[in-house]
PDB file of N, CA and C in Angstrom:
ATOM      1  N   MET A   1     -40.026  20.291  19.413  1.00  0.00           N
ATOM      2  CA  MET A   1     -39.207  19.906  20.469  1.00  0.00           C
ATOM      3  C   MET A   1     -37.687  20.337  20.074  1.00  0.00           C
ATOM      4  N   VAL A   2     -37.122  20.512  21.059  1.00  0.00           N
ATOM      5  CA  VAL A   2     -35.698  21.008  20.804  1.00  0.00           C
ATOM      6  C   VAL A   2     -34.596  20.018  21.404  1.00  0.00           C
ATOM      7  N   SER A   3     -33.553  19.909  20.819  1.00  0.00           N
ATOM      8  CA  SER A   3     -32.550  19.081  21.458  1.00  0.00           C
ATOM      9  C   SER A   3     -31.317  19.785  21.778  1.00  0.00           C
ATOM     10  N   VAL A   4     -30.818  19.661  22.934  1.00  0.00           N
ATOM     11  CA  VAL A   4     -29.854  20.040  23.507  1.00  0.00           C
ATOM     12  C   VAL A   4     -28.461  19.456  23.734  1.00  0.00           C
ATOM     13  N   GLY A   5     -27.155  19.859  23.207  1.00  0.00           N
ATOM     14  CA  GLY A   5     -26.251  19.089  23.486  1.00  0.00           C
ATOM     15  C   GLY A   5     -25.408  19.909  24.484  1.00  0.00           C
ATOM     16  N   VAL A   6     -24.844  19.402  25.714  1.00  0.00           N
ATOM     17  CA  VAL A   6     -23.862  20.207  26.310  1.00  0.00           C
ATOM     18  C   VAL A   6     -22.406  19.401  26.599  1.00  0.00           C
ATOM     19  N   ASP A   7     -21.386  20.225  26.228  1.00  0.00           N
ATOM     20  CA  ASP A   7     -20.150  19.691  26.458  1.00  0.00           C
ATOM     21  C   ASP A   7     -19.677  20.379  27.790  1.00  0.00           C
ATOM     22  N   ILE A   8     -19.519  19.564  28.719  1.00  0.00           N
ATOM     23  CA  ILE A   8     -19.153  19.984  30.179  1.00  0.00           C
ATOM     24  C   ILE A   8     -17.790  19.760  30.498  1.00  0.00           C
ATOM     25  N   HIS A   9     -17.418  20.715  31.284  1.00  0.00           N
ATOM     26  CA  HIS A   9     -15.966  20.899  31.678  1.00  0.00           C
ATOM     27  C   HIS A   9     -15.965  21.089  33.313  1.00  0.00           C
ATOM     28  N   LYS A  10     -14.709  21.229  33.754  1.00  0.00           N
ATOM     29  CA  LYS A  10     -14.598  21.535  35.516  1.00  0.00           C
ATOM     30  C   LYS A  10     -15.292  23.088  35.596  1.00  0.00           C
ATOM     31  N   ALA A  11     -14.735  23.840  34.644  1.00  0.00           N
ATOM     32  CA  ALA A  11     -15.184  25.333  35.212  1.00  0.00           C
ATOM     33  C   ALA A  11     -16.491  25.686  34.391  1.00  0.00           C
ATOM     34  N   SER A  12     -16.704  25.227  33.193  1.00  0.00           N
ATOM     35  CA  SER A  12     -17.761  25.743  32.231  1.00  0.00           C
ATOM     36  C   SER A  12     -18.423  24.754  31.676  1.00  0.00           C
ATOM     37  N   GLY A  13     -19.581  25.026  30.658  1.00  0.00           N
ATOM     38  CA  GLY A  13     -19.931  24.113  29.972  1.00  0.00           C
ATOM     39  C   GLY A  13     -20.350  24.880  28.571  1.00  0.00           C
ATOM     40  N   PHE A  14     -20.653  24.194  27.339  1.00  0.00           N
ATOM     41  CA  PHE A  14     -21.056  24.870  26.359  1.00  0.00           C
ATOM     42  C   PHE A  14     -22.397  24.227  25.949  1.00  0.00           C
ATOM     43  N   ALA A  15     -23.544  24.920  25.510  1.00  0.00           N
ATOM     44  CA  ALA A  15     -24.767  24.218  25.119  1.00  0.00           C
ATOM     45  C   ALA A  15     -25.005  24.856  23.750  1.00  0.00           C
ATOM     46  N   VAL A  16     -25.706  23.774  22.865  1.00  0.00           N
ATOM     47  CA  VAL A  16     -26.238  24.193  21.494  1.00  0.00           C
ATOM     48  C   VAL A  16     -27.654  23.807  21.525  1.00  0.00           C
ATOM     49  N   VAL A  17     -28.468  24.526  21.186  1.00  0.00           N
ATOM     50  CA  VAL A  17     -29.825  24.312  21.276  1.00  0.00           C
ATOM     51  C   VAL A  17     -30.449  24.131  19.627  1.00  0.00           C
ATOM     52  N   LYS A  18     -30.782  22.809  19.292  1.00  0.00           N
ATOM     53  CA  LYS A  18     -31.328  22.664  17.922  1.00  0.00           C
ATOM     54  C   LYS A  18     -33.044  22.250  18.133  1.00  0.00           C
ATOM     55  N   ASP A  19     -33.454  22.980  16.954  1.00  0.00           N
ATOM     56  CA  ASP A  19     -34.935  22.440  16.737  1.00  0.00           C
ATOM     57  C   ASP A  19     -35.094  21.208  15.930  1.00  0.00           C
ATOM     58  N   ASP A  20     -36.227  20.845  15.646  1.00  0.00           N
ATOM     59  CA  ASP A  20     -36.529  19.339  14.966  1.00  0.00           C
ATOM     60  C   ASP A  20     -35.851  19.524  13.584  1.00  0.00           C
ATOM     61  N   GLY A  21     -35.649  20.706  13.088  1.00  0.00           N
ATOM     62  CA  GLY A  21     -34.773  20.688  11.755  1.00  0.00           C
ATOM     63  C   GLY A  21     -33.791  20.554  11.595  1.00  0.00           C
ATOM     64  N   GLY A  22     -32.953  20.886  12.966  1.00  0.00           N
ATOM     65  CA  GLY A  22     -31.307  20.784  13.237  1.00  0.00           C
ATOM     66  C   GLY A  22     -31.016  22.223  13.061  1.00  0.00           C
ATOM     67  N   ARG A  23     -31.938  23.083  12.971  1.00  0.00           N
ATOM     68  CA  ARG A  23     -31.343  24.677  12.801  1.00  0.00           C
ATOM     69  C   ARG A  23     -31.028  24.993  14.403  1.00  0.00           C
ATOM     70  N   VAL A  24     -29.879  25.756  14.529  1.00  0.00           N
ATOM     71  CA  VAL A  24     -29.435  26.300  16.034  1.00  0.00           C
ATOM     72  C   VAL A  24     -30.371  27.220  16.409  1.00  0.00           C
ATOM     73  N   VAL A  25     -31.008  27.064  17.405  1.00  0.00           N
ATOM     74  CA  VAL A  25     -31.954  28.222  17.946  1.00  0.00           C
ATOM     75  C   VAL A  25     -31.259  29.012  18.968  1.00  0.00           C
ATOM     76  N   ALA A  26     -30.266  28.582  19.674  1.00  0.00           N
ATOM     77  CA  ALA A  26     -29.634  29.230  20.743  1.00  0.00           C
ATOM     78  C   ALA A  26     -28.264  28.382  20.720  1.00  0.00           C
ATOM     79  N   SER A  27     -27.277  29.138  21.588  1.00  0.00           N
ATOM     80  CA  SER A  27     -25.842  28.500  21.996  1.00  0.00           C
ATOM     81  C   SER A  27     -25.216  29.462  22.954  1.00  0.00           C
ATOM     82  N   PHE A  28     -24.904  28.811  24.030  1.00  0.00           N
ATOM     83  CA  PHE A  28     -24.409  29.588  24.961  1.00  0.00           C
ATOM     84  C   PHE A  28     -23.457  29.040  25.958  1.00  0.00           C
ATOM     85  N   THR A  29     -22.399  29.631  26.600  1.00  0.00           N
ATOM     86  CA  THR A  29     -21.766  28.975  27.568  1.00  0.00           C
ATOM     87  C   THR A  29     -22.157  29.433  28.661  1.00  0.00           C
ATOM     88  N   PHE A  30     -21.919  28.593  30.010  1.00  0.00           N
ATOM     89  CA  PHE A  30     -22.337  28.410  31.500  1.00  0.00           C
ATOM     90  C   PHE A  30     -21.490  28.091  32.187  1.00  0.00           C
ATOM     91  N   LYS A  31     -21.313  28.912  33.625  1.00  0.00           N
ATOM     92  CA  LYS A  31     -20.203  28.297  34.249  1.00  0.00           C
ATOM     93  C   LYS A  31     -20.828  26.964  35.211  1.00  0.00           C
ATOM     94  N   ASN A  32     -19.999  25.805  35.307  1.00  0.00           N
ATOM     95  CA  ASN A  32     -20.138  24.951  36.082  1.00  0.00           C
ATOM     96  C   ASN A  32     -20.278  24.897  37.428  1.00  0.00           C
ATOM     97  N   ASP A  33     -21.105  25.638  37.951  1.00  0.00           N
ATOM     98  CA  ASP A  33     -21.309  25.926  39.424  1.00  0.00           C
ATOM     99  C   ASP A  33     -22.701  26.143  39.742  1.00  0.00           C
ATOM    100  N   LYS A  34     -23.114  26.043  40.889  1.00  0.00           N
ATOM    101  CA  LYS A  34     -24.791  26.196  41.272  1.00  0.00           C
ATOM    102  C   LYS A  34     -25.308  27.389  40.450  1.00  0.00           C
ATOM    103  N   CYS A  35     -24.660  28.425  40.640  1.00  0.00           N
ATOM    104  CA  CYS A  35     -25.222  29.718  40.102  1.00  0.00           C
ATOM    105  C   CYS A  35     -25.445  29.641  38.374  1.00  0.00           C
ATOM    106  N   GLY A  36     -24.501  29.210  37.778  1.00  0.00           N
ATOM    107  CA  GLY A  36     -24.353  29.098  36.231  1.00  0.00           C
ATOM    108  C   GLY A  36     -25.311  28.048  35.869  1.00  0.00           C
ATOM    109  N   ILE A  37     -25.320  26.982  36.466  1.00  0.00           N
ATOM    110  CA  ILE A  37     -26.048  25.801  36.319  1.00  0.00           C
ATOM    111  C   ILE A  37     -27.552  26.326  36.446  1.00  0.00           C
ATOM    112  N   GLY A  38     -28.008  26.861  37.500  1.00  0.00           N
ATOM    113  CA  GLY A  38     -29.149  27.465  37.818  1.00  0.00           C
ATOM    114  C   GLY A  38     -29.519  28.549  36.694  1.00  0.00           C
ATOM    115  N   GLU A  39     -28.607  29.359  35.995  1.00  0.00           N
ATOM    116  CA  GLU A  39     -29.268  30.087  34.863  1.00  0.00           C
ATOM    117  C   GLU A  39     -29.465  29.369  33.657  1.00  0.00           C
ATOM    118  N   PHE A  40     -28.491  28.383  33.492  1.00  0.00           N
ATOM    119  CA  PHE A  40     -28.615  27.590  32.246  1.00  0.00           C
ATOM    120  C   PHE A  40     -29.966  26.730  32.460  1.00  0.00           C
ATOM    121  N   VAL A  41     -30.397  26.105  33.318  1.00  0.00           N
ATOM    122  CA  VAL A  41     -31.712  25.360  33.672  1.00  0.00           C
ATOM    123  C   VAL A  41     -32.790  26.446  33.248  1.00  0.00           C
ATOM    124  N   GLU A  42     -32.779  27.619  33.728  1.00  0.00           N
ATOM    125  CA  GLU A  42     -33.950  28.881  33.686  1.00  0.00           C
ATOM    126  C   GLU A  42     -33.804  29.071  32.107  1.00  0.00           C
ATOM    127  N   ARG A  43     -32.869  29.309  31.293  1.00  0.00           N
ATOM    128  CA  ARG A  43     -32.796  29.469  29.993  1.00  0.00           C
ATOM    129  C   ARG A  43     -33.646  28.143  29.252  1.00  0.00           C
ATOM    130  N   LEU A  44     -33.465  27.126  29.630  1.00  0.00           N
ATOM    131  CA  LEU A  44     -34.076  25.987  28.818  1.00  0.00           C
ATOM    132  C   LEU A  44     -35.544  25.975  29.194  1.00  0.00           C
ATOM    133  N   GLN A  45     -35.972  26.506  30.332  1.00  0.00           N
ATOM    134  CA  GLN A  45     -37.350  26.370  30.779  1.00  0.00           C
ATOM    135  C   GLN A  45     -38.272  27.311  29.653  1.00  0.00           C
ATOM    136  N   GLY A  46     -37.490  28.249  28.941  1.00  0.00           N
ATOM    137  CA  GLY A  46     -38.212  29.043  28.094  1.00  0.00           C
ATOM    138  C   GLY A  46     -38.371  28.301  26.771  1.00  0.00           C
ATOM    139  N   PHE A  47     -38.036  27.084  26.494  1.00  0.00           N
ATOM    140  CA  PHE A  47     -38.568  26.279  25.206  1.00  0.00           C
ATOM    141  C   PHE A  47     -39.498  25.093  25.831  1.00  0.00           C
ATOM    142  N   ARG A  48     -40.454  24.654  24.722  1.00  0.00           N
ATOM    143  CA  ARG A  48     -41.168  23.649  25.024  1.00  0.00           C
ATOM    144  C   ARG A  48     -40.558  22.133  24.612  1.00  0.00           C
ATOM    145  N   ASP A  49     -40.915  21.287  25.323  1.00  0.00           N
ATOM    146  CA  ASP A  49     -40.484  19.756  24.874  1.00  0.00           C
ATOM    147  C   ASP A  49     -38.824  19.905  24.785  1.00  0.00           C
ATOM    148  N   VAL A  50     -38.253  19.773  25.793  1.00  0.00           N
ATOM    149  CA  VAL A  50     -36.816  19.655  25.857  1.00  0.00           C
ATOM    150  C   VAL A  50     -35.981  18.308  26.176  1.00  0.00           C
ATOM    151  N   ARG A  51     -35.112  17.997  25.280  1.00  0.00           N
ATOM    152  CA  ARG A  51     -34.619  16.835  25.605  1.00  0.00           C
ATOM    153  C   ARG A  51     -32.810  17.286  25.435  1.00  0.00           C
ATOM    154  N   VAL A  52     -32.186  16.802  26.454  1.00  0.00           N
ATOM    155  CA  VAL A  52     -30.906  17.254  26.889  1.00  0.00           C
ATOM    156  C   VAL A  52     -29.784  16.048  26.869  1.00  0.00           C
ATOM    157  N   ALA A  53     -28.793  16.327  26.062  1.00  0.00           N
ATOM    158  CA  ALA A  53     -27.518  15.151  26.040  1.00  0.00           C
ATOM    159  C   ALA A  53     -26.540  15.798  26.672  1.00  0.00           C
ATOM    160  N   VAL A  54     -25.855  15.120  27.817  1.00  0.00           N
ATOM    161  CA  VAL A  54     -24.758  15.884  28.468  1.00  0.00           C
ATOM    162  C   VAL A  54     -23.616  14.824  28.169  1.00  0.00           C
ATOM    163  N   GLU A  55     -22.362  15.589  27.906  1.00  0.00           N
ATOM    164  CA  GLU A  55     -21.175  14.336  27.643  1.00  0.00           C
ATOM    165  C   GLU A  55     -20.882  13.834  29.072  1.00  0.00           C
ATOM    166  N   SER A  56     -20.222  12.799  29.226  1.00  0.00           N
ATOM    167  CA  SER A  56     -20.028  12.404  30.718  1.00  0.00           C
ATOM    168  C   SER A  56     -18.442  12.626  30.536  1.00  0.00           C
ATOM    169  N   SER A  57     -18.021  13.547  31.405  1.00  0.00           N
ATOM    170  CA  SER A  57     -16.702  14.056  31.335  1.00  0.00           C
ATOM    171  C   SER A  57     -16.257  13.865  32.971  1.00  0.00           C
ATOM    172  N   GLY A  58     -15.535  13.011  33.377  1.00  0.00           N
ATOM    173  CA  GLY A  58     -15.147  12.803  34.723  1.00  0.00           C
ATOM    174  C   GLY A  58     -16.260  12.883  35.578  1.00  0.00           C
ATOM    175  N   ASN A  59     -16.440  13.559  36.733  1.00  0.00           N
ATOM    176  CA  ASN A  59     -17.535  13.720  37.181  1.00  0.00           C
ATOM    177  C   ASN A  59     -18.368  15.026  37.199  1.00  0.00           C
ATOM    178  N   PHE A  60     -17.767  15.766  36.622  1.00  0.00           N
ATOM    179  CA  PHE A  60     -18.481  17.268  35.926  1.00  0.00           C
ATOM    180  C   PHE A  60     -19.635  17.358  35.658  1.00  0.00           C
ATOM    181  N   TRP A  61     -20.226  16.367  35.224  1.00  0.00           N
ATOM    182  CA  TRP A  61     -21.604  16.197  34.541  1.00  0.00           C
ATOM    183  C   TRP A  61     -22.420  16.166  35.539  1.00  0.00           C
ATOM    184  N   VAL A  62     -22.315  15.702  37.027  1.00  0.00           N
ATOM    185  CA  VAL A  62     -23.017  15.262  37.971  1.00  0.00           C
ATOM    186  C   VAL A  62     -24.247  16.505  38.275  1.00  0.00           C
ATOM    187  N   LYS A  63     -23.460  17.609  38.784  1.00  0.00           N
ATOM    188  CA  LYS A  63     -24.233  18.512  39.032  1.00  0.00           C
ATOM    189  C   LYS A  63     -25.487  18.968  38.077  1.00  0.00           C
ATOM    190  N   LEU A  64     -24.988  19.112  36.945  1.00  0.00           N
ATOM    191  CA  LEU A  64     -25.774  19.434  35.907  1.00  0.00           C
ATOM    192  C   LEU A  64     -26.851  18.560  35.551  1.00  0.00           C
ATOM    193  N   TYR A  65     -26.430  17.307  35.530  1.00  0.00           N
ATOM    194  CA  TYR A  65     -27.363  16.075  35.129  1.00  0.00           C
ATOM    195  C   TYR A  65     -28.675  16.109  36.282  1.00  0.00           C
ATOM    196  N   GLU A  66     -27.919  16.211  37.565  1.00  0.00           N
ATOM    197  CA  GLU A  66     -29.090  16.352  38.703  1.00  0.00           C
ATOM    198  C   GLU A  66     -29.972  17.419  38.798  1.00  0.00           C
ATOM    199  N   ALA A  67     -29.484  18.847  38.279  1.00  0.00           N
ATOM    200  CA  ALA A  67     -30.280  20.222  38.269  1.00  0.00           C
ATOM    201  C   ALA A  67     -31.545  19.703  37.324  1.00  0.00           C
ATOM    202  N   LEU A  68     -30.841  19.379  36.016  1.00  0.00           N
ATOM    203  CA  LEU A  68     -32.050  19.070  34.987  1.00  0.00           C
ATOM    204  C   LEU A  68     -32.805  17.977  35.191  1.00  0.00           C
ATOM    205  N   GLU A  69     -32.749  17.023  35.956  1.00  0.00           N
ATOM    206  CA  GLU A  69     -33.341  15.964  36.372  1.00  0.00           C
ATOM    207  C   GLU A  69     -34.327  16.425  37.298  1.00  0.00           C
ATOM    208  N   ALA A  70     -34.217  17.338  38.282  1.00  0.00           N
ATOM    209  CA  ALA A  70     -34.926  17.909  39.399  1.00  0.00           C
ATOM    210  C   ALA A  70     -35.977  18.602  38.737  1.00  0.00           C
ATOM    211  N   LYS A  71     -35.903  19.256  37.420  1.00  0.00           N
ATOM    212  CA  LYS A  71     -36.647  20.133  36.856  1.00  0.00           C
ATOM    213  C   LYS A  71     -37.426  19.370  35.805  1.00  0.00           C
ATOM    214  N   GLY A  72     -37.433  18.219  35.797  1.00  0.00           N
ATOM    215  CA  GLY A  72     -38.019  17.351  34.965  1.00  0.00           C
ATOM    216  C   GLY A  72     -37.849  17.282  33.542  1.00  0.00           C
ATOM    217  N   PHE A  73     -36.583  17.605  33.440  1.00  0.00           N
ATOM    218  CA  PHE A  73     -35.915  17.625  31.695  1.00  0.00           C
ATOM    219  C   PHE A  73     -35.550  16.103  31.533  1.00  0.00           C
ATOM    220  N   ARG A  74     -35.764  15.789  30.410  1.00  0.00           N
ATOM    221  CA  ARG A  74     -35.310  14.302  29.797  1.00  0.00           C
ATOM    222  C   ARG A  74     -33.889  14.555  29.725  1.00  0.00           C
ATOM    223  N   VAL A  75     -33.122  13.742  30.473  1.00  0.00           N
ATOM    224  CA  VAL A  75     -31.769  14.012  30.270  1.00  0.00           C
ATOM    225  C   VAL A  75     -30.986  12.772  29.780  1.00  0.00           C
ATOM    226  N   VAL A  76     -30.096  12.725  28.835  1.00  0.00           N
ATOM    227  CA  VAL A  76     -29.361  11.532  28.502  1.00  0.00           C
ATOM    228  C   VAL A  76     -27.741  11.689  28.963  1.00  0.00           C
ATOM    229  N   LEU A  77     -27.235  10.940  29.463  1.00  0.00           N
ATOM    230  CA  LEU A  77     -25.660  11.017  29.728  1.00  0.00           C
ATOM    231  C   LEU A  77     -25.043  10.270  28.666  1.00  0.00           C
ATOM    232  N   SER A  78     -24.205  10.938  27.809  1.00  0.00           N
ATOM    233  CA  SER A  78     -23.582  10.319  26.630  1.00  0.00           C
ATOM    234  C   SER A  78     -22.418   9.872  27.075  1.00  0.00           C
ATOM    235  N   ASN A  79     -22.102   8.533  26.438  1.00  0.00           N
ATOM    236  CA  ASN A  79     -20.977   7.687  27.106  1.00  0.00           C
ATOM    237  C   ASN A  79     -19.728   8.300  25.940  1.00  0.00           C
ATOM    238  N   PRO A  80     -18.757   8.859  26.236  1.00  0.00           N
ATOM    239  CA  PRO A  80     -17.792   9.428  25.295  1.00  0.00           C
ATOM    240  C   PRO A  80     -17.106   8.709  24.429  1.00  0.00           C
ATOM    241  N   ALA A  81     -16.747   7.666  24.999  1.00  0.00           N
ATOM    242  CA  ALA A  81     -15.910   6.559  24.048  1.00  0.00           C
ATOM    243  C   ALA A  81     -16.811   6.058  22.901  1.00  0.00           C
ATOM    244  N   ARG A  82     -18.015   5.825  23.281  1.00  0.00           N
ATOM    245  CA  ARG A  82     -19.071   5.152  22.146  1.00  0.00           C
ATOM    246  C   ARG A  82     -19.354   6.285  21.279  1.00  0.00           C
ATOM    247  N   THR A  83     -19.817   7.472  21.918  1.00  0.00           N
ATOM    248  CA  THR A  83     -20.176   8.564  20.922  1.00  0.00           C
ATOM    249  C   THR A  83     -19.094   9.054  20.225  1.00  0.00           C
ATOM    250  N   LYS A  84     -17.820   8.859  20.654  1.00  0.00           N
ATOM    251  CA  LYS A  84     -16.690   9.192  19.770  1.00  0.00           C
ATOM    252  C   LYS A  84     -16.749   8.228  18.437  1.00  0.00           C
ATOM    253  N   ALA A  85     -16.912   6.880  18.640  1.00  0.00           N
ATOM    254  CA  ALA A  85     -16.880   6.308  17.322  1.00  0.00           C
ATOM    255  C   ALA A  85     -17.813   6.533  16.343  1.00  0.00           C
ATOM    256  N   ILE A  86     -19.125   7.158  16.831  1.00  0.00           N
ATOM    257  CA  ILE A  86     -20.134   7.528  16.079  1.00  0.00           C
ATOM    258  C   ILE A  86     -19.815   8.909  15.193  1.00  0.00           C
ATOM    259  N   ALA A  87     -19.353   9.778  16.092  1.00  0.00           N
ATOM    260  CA  ALA A  87     -18.988  10.939  15.434  1.00  0.00           C
ATOM    261  C   ALA A  87     -17.755  11.740  15.626  1.00  0.00           C
ATOM    262  N   GLU A  88     -16.796  10.924  15.155  1.00  0.00           N
ATOM    263  CA  GLU A  88     -15.345  11.622  15.312  1.00  0.00           C
ATOM    264  C   GLU A  88     -15.161  12.574  14.142  1.00  0.00           C
ATOM    265  N   ALA A  89     -14.564  13.679  14.849  1.00  0.00           N
ATOM    266  CA  ALA A  89     -14.398  14.939  13.835  1.00  0.00           C
ATOM    267  C   ALA A  89     -12.872  15.350  13.925  1.00  0.00           C
ATOM    268  N   LYS A  90     -12.291  15.540  12.897  1.00  0.00           N
ATOM    269  CA  LYS A  90     -10.791  15.926  12.926  1.00  0.00           C
ATOM    270  C   LYS A  90     -10.523  17.043  13.622  1.00  0.00           C
ATOM    271  N   ILE A  91     -11.586  18.120  13.618  1.00  0.00           N
ATOM    272  CA  ILE A  91     -11.489  19.550  14.167  1.00  0.00           C
ATOM    273  C   ILE A  91     -12.428  19.204  15.456  1.00  0.00           C
ATOM    274  N   ARG A  92     -12.164  19.818  16.509  1.00  0.00           N
ATOM    275  CA  ARG A  92     -12.883  19.461  17.701  1.00  0.00           C
ATOM    276  C   ARG A  92     -13.043  20.879  18.459  1.00  0.00           C
ATOM    277  N   SER A  93     -14.132  21.421  18.769  1.00  0.00           N
ATOM    278  CA  SER A  93     -14.260  22.421  19.952  1.00  0.00           C
ATOM    279  C   SER A  93     -15.453  22.088  20.848  1.00  0.00           C
ATOM    280  N   ASP A  94     -15.709  23.048  21.965  1.00  0.00           N
ATOM    281  CA  ASP A  94     -16.691  22.835  22.614  1.00  0.00           C
ATOM    282  C   ASP A  94     -18.118  23.093  21.937  1.00  0.00           C
ATOM    283  N   ARG A  95     -17.963  24.073  21.013  1.00  0.00           N
ATOM    284  CA  ARG A  95     -19.225  24.175  20.162  1.00  0.00           C
ATOM    285  C   ARG A  95     -19.623  23.082  19.433  1.00  0.00           C
ATOM    286  N   LEU A  96     -18.636  22.644  18.523  1.00  0.00           N
ATOM    287  CA  LEU A  96     -18.641  21.584  17.746  1.00  0.00           C
ATOM    288  C   LEU A  96     -19.354  20.059  18.419  1.00  0.00           C
ATOM    289  N   ASP A  97     -18.511  19.713  19.586  1.00  0.00           N
ATOM    290  CA  ASP A  97     -18.842  18.851  20.193  1.00  0.00           C
ATOM    291  C   ASP A  97     -20.311  18.867  20.687  1.00  0.00           C
ATOM    292  N   ALA A  98     -20.780  20.157  21.223  1.00  0.00           N
ATOM    293  CA  ALA A  98     -22.141  20.252  21.497  1.00  0.00           C
ATOM    294  C   ALA A  98     -23.259  20.198  20.437  1.00  0.00           C
ATOM    295  N   SER A  99     -22.675  20.661  19.395  1.00  0.00           N
ATOM    296  CA  SER A  99     -23.664  20.551  18.281  1.00  0.00           C
ATOM    297  C   SER A  99     -24.052  19.060  17.848  1.00  0.00           C
ATOM    298  N   THR A 100     -22.868  18.346  17.651  1.00  0.00           N
ATOM    299  CA  THR A 100     -22.958  16.994  17.599  1.00  0.00           C
ATOM    300  C   THR A 100     -23.801  16.157  18.331  1.00  0.00           C
ATOM    301  N   LEU A 101     -23.522  16.441  19.818  1.00  0.00           N
ATOM    302  CA  LEU A 101     -24.540  15.607  20.779  1.00  0.00           C
ATOM    303  C   LEU A 101     -25.953  16.035  20.474  1.00  0.00           C
ATOM    304  N   ALA A 102     -26.052  17.270  20.064  1.00  0.00           N
ATOM    305  CA  ALA A 102     -27.482  17.772  19.869  1.00  0.00           C
ATOM    306  C   ALA A 102     -28.167  16.899  18.529  1.00  0.00           C
ATOM    307  N   ASP A 103     -27.312  16.698  17.544  1.00  0.00           N
ATOM    308  CA  ASP A 103     -27.662  16.159  16.309  1.00  0.00           C
ATOM    309  C   ASP A 103     -27.799  14.685  16.734  1.00  0.00           C
ATOM    310  N   LEU A 104     -27.055  14.055  17.452  1.00  0.00           N
ATOM    311  CA  LEU A 104     -27.116  12.725  17.821  1.00  0.00           C
ATOM    312  C   LEU A 104     -28.391  12.419  18.501  1.00  0.00           C
ATOM    313  N   LEU A 105     -28.668  13.302  19.399  1.00  0.00           N
ATOM    314  CA  LEU A 105     -29.854  13.062  20.076  1.00  0.00           C
ATOM    315  C   LEU A 105     -31.104  13.398  19.453  1.00  0.00           C
ATOM    316  N   ARG A 106     -30.979  14.092  18.491  1.00  0.00           N
ATOM    317  CA  ARG A 106     -32.162  14.528  17.497  1.00  0.00           C
ATOM    318  C   ARG A 106     -32.311  13.229  16.727  1.00  0.00           C
ATOM    319  N   ALA A 107     -31.368  12.163  16.184  1.00  0.00           N
ATOM    320  CA  ALA A 107     -31.508  11.120  15.628  1.00  0.00           C
ATOM    321  C   ALA A 107     -31.603   9.818  16.487  1.00  0.00           C
ATOM    322  N   GLY A 108     -31.601   9.966  17.929  1.00  0.00           N
ATOM    323  CA  GLY A 108     -31.640   8.813  18.571  1.00  0.00           C
ATOM    324  C   GLY A 108     -30.504   7.951  18.511  1.00  0.00           C
ATOM    325  N   LEU A 109     -29.113   8.544  18.113  1.00  0.00           N
ATOM    326  CA  LEU A 109     -27.914   7.940  18.239  1.00  0.00           C
ATOM    327  C   LEU A 109     -27.110   7.932  19.478  1.00  0.00           C
ATOM    328  N   VAL A 110     -27.610   8.683  20.494  1.00  0.00           N
ATOM    329  CA  VAL A 110     -26.765   8.922  21.714  1.00  0.00           C
ATOM    330  C   VAL A 110     -26.354   7.519  22.150  1.00  0.00           C
ATOM    331  N   ALA A 111     -25.342   7.272  22.312  1.00  0.00           N
ATOM    332  CA  ALA A 111     -24.530   6.008  23.054  1.00  0.00           C
ATOM    333  C   ALA A 111     -24.885   6.510  24.561  1.00  0.00           C
ATOM    334  N   GLU A 112     -25.559   5.974  25.214  1.00  0.00           N
ATOM    335  CA  GLU A 112     -26.061   6.173  26.674  1.00  0.00           C
ATOM    336  C   GLU A 112     -25.104   5.675  27.643  1.00  0.00           C
ATOM    337  N   SER A 113     -24.694   6.218  28.924  1.00  0.00           N
ATOM    338  CA  SER A 113     -24.049   5.523  29.806  1.00  0.00           C
ATOM    339  C   SER A 113     -25.403   5.449  30.952  1.00  0.00           C
ATOM    340  N   TYR A 114     -25.058   4.236  31.762  1.00  0.00           N
ATOM    341  CA  TYR A 114     -26.062   4.263  32.743  1.00  0.00           C
ATOM    342  C   TYR A 114     -25.738   5.224  33.796  1.00  0.00           C
ATOM    343  N   VAL A 115     -27.025   5.662  34.346  1.00  0.00           N
ATOM    344  CA  VAL A 115     -27.121   6.444  35.573  1.00  0.00           C
ATOM    345  C   VAL A 115     -27.832   5.979  36.595  1.00  0.00           C
ATOM    346  N   PRO A 116     -27.289   5.553  37.723  1.00  0.00           N
ATOM    347  CA  PRO A 116     -28.049   4.900  38.648  1.00  0.00           C
ATOM    348  C   PRO A 116     -29.135   5.819  39.230  1.00  0.00           C
ATOM    349  N   PRO A 117     -30.103   5.338  39.834  1.00  0.00           N
ATOM    350  CA  PRO A 117     -31.178   6.136  40.337  1.00  0.00           C
ATOM    351  C   PRO A 117     -30.762   7.000  41.704  1.00  0.00           C
ATOM    352  N   LYS A 118     -31.406   8.268  41.758  1.00  0.00           N
ATOM    353  CA  LYS A 118     -30.957   9.230  42.633  1.00  0.00           C
ATOM    354  C   LYS A 118     -30.509   8.613  44.025  1.00  0.00           C
ATOM    355  N   HIS A 119     -31.517   7.854  44.460  1.00  0.00           N
ATOM    356  CA  HIS A 119     -31.307   7.150  45.949  1.00  0.00           C
ATOM    357  C   HIS A 119     -29.869   6.435  46.105  1.00  0.00           C
ATOM    358  N   VAL A 120     -29.214   5.898  45.116  1.00  0.00           N
ATOM    359  CA  VAL A 120     -28.164   5.084  44.768  1.00  0.00           C
ATOM    360  C   VAL A 120     -27.137   5.946  44.708  1.00  0.00           C
ATOM    361  N   ARG A 121     -27.138   7.040  43.943  1.00  0.00           N
ATOM    362  CA  ARG A 121     -25.912   7.912  43.715  1.00  0.00           C
ATOM    363  C   ARG A 121     -25.288   8.466  44.898  1.00  0.00           C
ATOM    364  N   VAL A 122     -23.894   8.646  44.852  1.00  0.00           N
ATOM    365  CA  VAL A 122     -23.113   9.348  45.822  1.00  0.00           C
ATOM    366  C   VAL A 122     -22.633  10.477  45.279  1.00  0.00           C
ATOM    367  N   THR A 123     -23.213  11.506  45.971  1.00  0.00           N
ATOM    368  CA  THR A 123     -22.539  12.831  45.654  1.00  0.00           C
ATOM    369  C   THR A 123     -22.006  13.712  46.439  1.00  0.00           C
TER     370      THR A 123
END
């Protein structure tokens, strides 16, 4: 199983993929648009048994969440205020935030935000 932490922003996202032992298997940046998200999802399909934690940032997470959900990935939307309380760091970067999300996901400590069912969401 791999755990993926994604720090998402308006124009791009940064992902860190970790194995069960917490070793970084891959890390990469992708554009937060249809093409970039499609390439990201395609890369994840190369791994077995994938779980993804996406940081809830404004509405920047919606396209990514729905693309992952549509491909059958297990996706968790992280509540940033509650996650910050668990994993606050003095030095922050996209890489570090994504890595922390992956670690929290591996440990079952992601503070989840509620995501309504697809038929209820307005996009």
